[in-house]
């Protein structure tokens, strides 16, 4: 399989404080399967299925991106967007 890049990457703050930028459904699958803190939720399962379908061209990459964002929220991960205001060290600000 090969990556199908999203129009805009999704950056999330993991529970250990690391910032993880996900660029498409293949990267999302790797993140969900090896780095995800909560694997039992409904949105987690939906994100896995939708990313797999996007890689098989059965769903759109934007659907996979939306499912990944829902799974991120379900896992209480902070979704980051754009440059940080002055004084923030990680380079991103929380998505509002």
N, C-alpha and C. Protein backbone atom coordinates (compact mmCIF):
# COMPACT_ATOMS: atom_id res chain seq x y z
N UNK A 1 0.83 -1.18 0.00
CA UNK A 1 0.00 0.00 0.00
C UNK A 1 0.88 1.24 0.00
N UNK A 2 0.34 2.30 -0.50
CA UNK A 2 1.06 3.56 -0.50
C UNK A 2 0.17 4.65 0.07
N UNK A 3 0.81 5.73 0.50
CA UNK A 3 0.10 6.83 1.16
C UNK A 3 -0.71 7.65 0.17
N UNK A 4 -1.88 8.07 0.59
CA UNK A 4 -2.72 9.01 -0.14
C UNK A 4 -2.79 10.25 0.75
N UNK A 5 -2.02 11.28 0.45
CA UNK A 5 -1.96 12.42 1.38
C UNK A 5 -3.29 13.17 1.50
N UNK A 6 -3.57 13.58 2.73
CA UNK A 6 -4.73 14.44 2.97
C UNK A 6 -4.42 15.84 2.49
N UNK A 7 -5.45 16.62 2.22
CA UNK A 7 -5.24 18.02 1.81
C UNK A 7 -4.56 18.81 2.91
N UNK A 8 -4.86 18.48 4.15
CA UNK A 8 -4.22 19.13 5.31
C UNK A 8 -3.89 18.05 6.33
N UNK A 9 -2.65 17.99 6.78
CA UNK A 9 -2.29 16.99 7.80
C UNK A 9 -3.01 17.29 9.11
N UNK A 10 -3.09 16.28 9.95
CA UNK A 10 -3.70 16.42 11.28
C UNK A 10 -2.59 16.27 12.30
N UNK A 11 -2.41 17.27 13.14
CA UNK A 11 -1.42 17.21 14.21
C UNK A 11 -2.15 17.06 15.53
N UNK A 12 -1.71 16.09 16.31
CA UNK A 12 -2.34 15.82 17.60
C UNK A 12 -1.26 15.79 18.69
N UNK A 13 -1.67 16.14 19.88
CA UNK A 13 -0.79 16.05 21.03
C UNK A 13 -1.10 14.73 21.72
N UNK A 14 -0.12 13.84 21.73
CA UNK A 14 -0.30 12.53 22.36
C UNK A 14 -0.30 12.70 23.87
N UNK A 15 -0.75 11.69 24.59
CA UNK A 15 -0.86 11.78 26.04
C UNK A 15 0.49 11.95 26.72
N UNK A 16 1.57 11.52 26.07
CA UNK A 16 2.90 11.68 26.65
C UNK A 16 3.51 13.05 26.33
N UNK A 17 2.74 13.91 25.65
CA UNK A 17 3.18 15.26 25.34
C UNK A 17 3.80 15.44 23.97
N UNK A 18 4.07 14.32 23.27
CA UNK A 18 4.63 14.43 21.93
C UNK A 18 3.59 14.95 20.96
N UNK A 19 4.07 15.68 19.96
CA UNK A 19 3.20 16.12 18.86
C UNK A 19 3.37 15.13 17.73
N UNK A 20 2.26 14.61 17.22
CA UNK A 20 2.28 13.63 16.13
C UNK A 20 1.51 14.22 14.97
N UNK A 21 2.15 14.36 13.82
CA UNK A 21 1.49 14.85 12.62
C UNK A 21 1.20 13.67 11.71
N UNK A 22 -0.07 13.52 11.33
CA UNK A 22 -0.52 12.42 10.49
C UNK A 22 -0.87 12.98 9.13
N UNK A 23 -0.32 12.40 8.06
CA UNK A 23 -0.45 13.00 6.73
C UNK A 23 -1.45 12.31 5.81
N UNK A 24 -1.94 11.14 6.18
CA UNK A 24 -2.88 10.43 5.32
C UNK A 24 -3.37 9.15 5.97
N UNK A 25 -4.22 8.38 5.28
CA UNK A 25 -4.81 7.18 5.88
C UNK A 25 -3.81 6.09 6.26
N UNK A 26 -2.75 5.92 5.49
CA UNK A 26 -1.75 4.90 5.84
C UNK A 26 -1.02 5.31 7.11
N UNK A 27 -0.63 6.56 7.20
CA UNK A 27 0.01 7.08 8.41
C UNK A 27 -0.95 7.00 9.60
N UNK A 28 -2.22 7.28 9.36
CA UNK A 28 -3.23 7.19 10.42
C UNK A 28 -3.35 5.76 10.92
N UNK A 29 -3.33 4.79 10.01
CA UNK A 29 -3.41 3.38 10.41
C UNK A 29 -2.22 3.02 11.31
N UNK A 30 -1.03 3.45 10.92
CA UNK A 30 0.17 3.17 11.74
C UNK A 30 0.02 3.79 13.13
N UNK A 31 -0.47 5.01 13.17
CA UNK A 31 -0.66 5.71 14.44
C UNK A 31 -1.72 4.99 15.29
N UNK A 32 -2.85 4.66 14.69
CA UNK A 32 -3.93 4.00 15.41
C UNK A 32 -3.50 2.63 15.94
N UNK A 33 -2.73 1.91 15.16
CA UNK A 33 -2.37 0.54 15.54
C UNK A 33 -1.18 0.45 16.49
N UNK A 34 -0.29 1.44 16.47
CA UNK A 34 0.90 1.30 17.30
C UNK A 34 1.08 2.38 18.36
N UNK A 35 0.37 3.50 18.25
CA UNK A 35 0.60 4.60 19.20
C UNK A 35 -0.65 5.03 19.95
N UNK A 36 -1.79 4.44 19.64
CA UNK A 36 -3.06 4.93 20.17
C UNK A 36 -3.27 4.56 21.62
N UNK A 37 -3.71 5.51 22.46
CA UNK A 37 -3.87 5.23 23.88
C UNK A 37 -5.14 4.46 24.23
N UNK A 38 -6.20 4.57 23.42
CA UNK A 38 -7.49 3.93 23.72
C UNK A 38 -7.94 3.17 22.48
N UNK A 39 -7.97 1.85 22.56
CA UNK A 39 -8.29 1.06 21.37
C UNK A 39 -9.69 0.43 21.41
N UNK A 40 -10.49 0.75 22.38
CA UNK A 40 -11.78 0.09 22.50
C UNK A 40 -12.97 0.91 22.06
N UNK A 41 -12.76 2.13 21.64
CA UNK A 41 -13.89 3.00 21.36
C UNK A 41 -14.52 2.77 19.99
N UNK A 42 -15.76 3.22 19.87
CA UNK A 42 -16.49 3.09 18.60
C UNK A 42 -15.84 3.91 17.49
N UNK A 43 -15.38 5.11 17.82
CA UNK A 43 -14.74 5.95 16.80
C UNK A 43 -13.37 5.39 16.39
N UNK A 44 -12.68 4.76 17.33
CA UNK A 44 -11.41 4.11 17.00
C UNK A 44 -11.65 3.04 15.93
N UNK A 45 -12.61 2.17 16.16
CA UNK A 45 -12.92 1.10 15.21
C UNK A 45 -13.37 1.66 13.87
N UNK A 46 -14.19 2.69 13.92
CA UNK A 46 -14.65 3.33 12.68
C UNK A 46 -13.48 3.94 11.92
N UNK A 47 -12.55 4.58 12.63
CA UNK A 47 -11.39 5.19 11.98
C UNK A 47 -10.53 4.13 11.31
N UNK A 48 -10.31 3.02 11.97
CA UNK A 48 -9.51 1.93 11.39
C UNK A 48 -10.19 1.43 10.11
N UNK A 49 -11.48 1.16 10.18
CA UNK A 49 -12.21 0.66 9.00
C UNK A 49 -12.21 1.68 7.86
N UNK A 50 -12.41 2.94 8.18
CA UNK A 50 -12.48 3.98 7.16
C UNK A 50 -11.11 4.23 6.52
N UNK A 51 -10.06 4.19 7.30
CA UNK A 51 -8.71 4.35 6.74
C UNK A 51 -8.37 3.17 5.83
N UNK A 52 -8.73 1.95 6.24
CA UNK A 52 -8.51 0.78 5.39
C UNK A 52 -9.28 0.93 4.08
N UNK A 53 -10.52 1.38 4.16
CA UNK A 53 -11.35 1.56 2.96
C UNK A 53 -10.77 2.65 2.06
N UNK A 54 -10.24 3.70 2.64
CA UNK A 54 -9.64 4.78 1.84
C UNK A 54 -8.42 4.26 1.09
N UNK A 55 -7.63 3.42 1.75
CA UNK A 55 -6.45 2.85 1.10
C UNK A 55 -6.82 1.92 -0.05
N UNK A 56 -8.02 1.32 0.04
CA UNK A 56 -8.52 0.46 -1.04
C UNK A 56 -9.36 1.24 -2.05
N UNK A 57 -9.41 2.57 -1.86
CA UNK A 57 -10.17 3.49 -2.72
C UNK A 57 -11.68 3.23 -2.66
N UNK A 58 -12.16 2.71 -1.53
CA UNK A 58 -13.58 2.48 -1.33
C UNK A 58 -14.24 3.63 -0.58
N UNK A 59 -13.43 4.45 0.08
CA UNK A 59 -13.86 5.67 0.76
C UNK A 59 -12.89 6.77 0.38
N UNK A 60 -13.31 8.01 0.56
CA UNK A 60 -12.43 9.13 0.21
C UNK A 60 -11.42 9.39 1.33
N UNK A 61 -10.27 9.95 0.99
CA UNK A 61 -9.30 10.32 2.02
C UNK A 61 -9.89 11.31 3.04
N UNK A 62 -10.77 12.20 2.59
CA UNK A 62 -11.36 13.17 3.52
C UNK A 62 -12.27 12.47 4.55
N UNK A 63 -12.94 11.38 4.15
CA UNK A 63 -13.74 10.61 5.11
C UNK A 63 -12.83 9.96 6.15
N UNK A 64 -11.69 9.46 5.70
CA UNK A 64 -10.74 8.85 6.63
C UNK A 64 -10.18 9.89 7.59
N UNK A 65 -9.92 11.09 7.08
CA UNK A 65 -9.41 12.18 7.92
C UNK A 65 -10.44 12.55 8.99
N UNK A 66 -11.70 12.67 8.60
CA UNK A 66 -12.76 13.01 9.55
C UNK A 66 -12.90 11.92 10.61
N UNK A 67 -12.82 10.66 10.21
CA UNK A 67 -12.92 9.55 11.16
C UNK A 67 -11.74 9.57 12.13
N UNK A 68 -10.55 9.88 11.63
CA UNK A 68 -9.36 9.96 12.48
C UNK A 68 -9.51 11.07 13.51
N UNK A 69 -10.04 12.20 13.09
CA UNK A 69 -10.26 13.32 14.01
C UNK A 69 -11.27 12.92 15.10
N UNK A 70 -12.33 12.23 14.72
CA UNK A 70 -13.32 11.76 15.71
C UNK A 70 -12.67 10.80 16.71
N UNK A 71 -11.83 9.90 16.22
CA UNK A 71 -11.14 8.96 17.11
C UNK A 71 -10.20 9.71 18.05
N UNK A 72 -9.57 10.77 17.55
CA UNK A 72 -8.67 11.57 18.38
C UNK A 72 -9.44 12.23 19.52
N UNK A 73 -10.58 12.76 19.20
CA UNK A 73 -11.41 13.39 20.24
C UNK A 73 -11.90 12.36 21.25
N UNK A 74 -12.29 11.17 20.75
CA UNK A 74 -12.75 10.10 21.63
C UNK A 74 -11.65 9.70 22.61
N UNK A 75 -10.40 9.73 22.17
CA UNK A 75 -9.26 9.35 23.01
C UNK A 75 -8.75 10.52 23.86
N UNK A 76 -9.45 11.65 23.82
CA UNK A 76 -9.08 12.85 24.58
C UNK A 76 -7.71 13.39 24.20
N UNK A 77 -7.38 13.28 22.92
CA UNK A 77 -6.14 13.86 22.41
C UNK A 77 -6.44 15.25 21.89
N UNK A 78 -5.51 16.16 22.08
CA UNK A 78 -5.68 17.53 21.61
C UNK A 78 -5.31 17.61 20.14
N UNK A 79 -6.22 18.12 19.34
CA UNK A 79 -5.96 18.33 17.92
C UNK A 79 -5.37 19.72 17.77
N UNK A 80 -4.23 19.80 17.12
CA UNK A 80 -3.49 21.05 17.00
C UNK A 80 -3.66 21.62 15.61
N UNK A 81 -3.62 22.95 15.53
CA UNK A 81 -3.75 23.60 14.22
C UNK A 81 -2.93 24.87 14.18
N UNK A 82 -2.26 25.08 13.08
CA UNK A 82 -1.58 26.34 12.80
C UNK A 82 -0.47 26.70 13.75
N UNK A 83 0.16 27.85 13.51
CA UNK A 83 1.26 28.31 14.36
C UNK A 83 0.78 28.66 15.76
N UNK A 84 1.65 28.45 16.71
CA UNK A 84 1.32 28.76 18.09
C UNK A 84 1.45 30.24 18.36
N UNK A 85 0.68 30.76 19.31
CA UNK A 85 0.89 32.13 19.75
C UNK A 85 2.25 32.24 20.41
N UNK A 86 2.73 33.44 20.57
CA UNK A 86 4.04 33.67 21.20
C UNK A 86 4.08 32.98 22.56
N UNK A 87 5.24 32.40 22.86
CA UNK A 87 5.42 31.79 24.16
C UNK A 87 5.15 30.29 24.21
N UNK A 88 4.48 29.72 23.22
CA UNK A 88 4.24 28.27 23.21
C UNK A 88 5.46 27.60 22.59
N UNK A 89 5.89 26.49 23.15
CA UNK A 89 7.14 25.89 22.73
C UNK A 89 6.99 24.80 21.67
N UNK A 90 5.81 24.20 21.52
CA UNK A 90 5.72 23.08 20.60
C UNK A 90 5.39 23.47 19.17
N UNK A 91 5.16 24.76 18.90
CA UNK A 91 4.95 25.20 17.53
C UNK A 91 3.51 25.11 17.05
N UNK A 92 2.61 24.63 17.88
CA UNK A 92 1.22 24.51 17.48
C UNK A 92 0.32 25.10 18.55
N UNK A 93 -0.90 25.41 18.18
CA UNK A 93 -1.90 25.85 19.14
C UNK A 93 -3.08 24.89 19.10
N UNK A 94 -3.81 24.73 20.20
CA UNK A 94 -4.98 23.84 20.18
C UNK A 94 -6.03 24.32 19.17
N UNK A 95 -6.65 23.37 18.50
CA UNK A 95 -7.72 23.68 17.58
C UNK A 95 -8.94 24.07 18.39
N UNK A 96 -9.59 25.18 18.04
CA UNK A 96 -10.73 25.65 18.82
C UNK A 96 -12.03 25.33 18.16
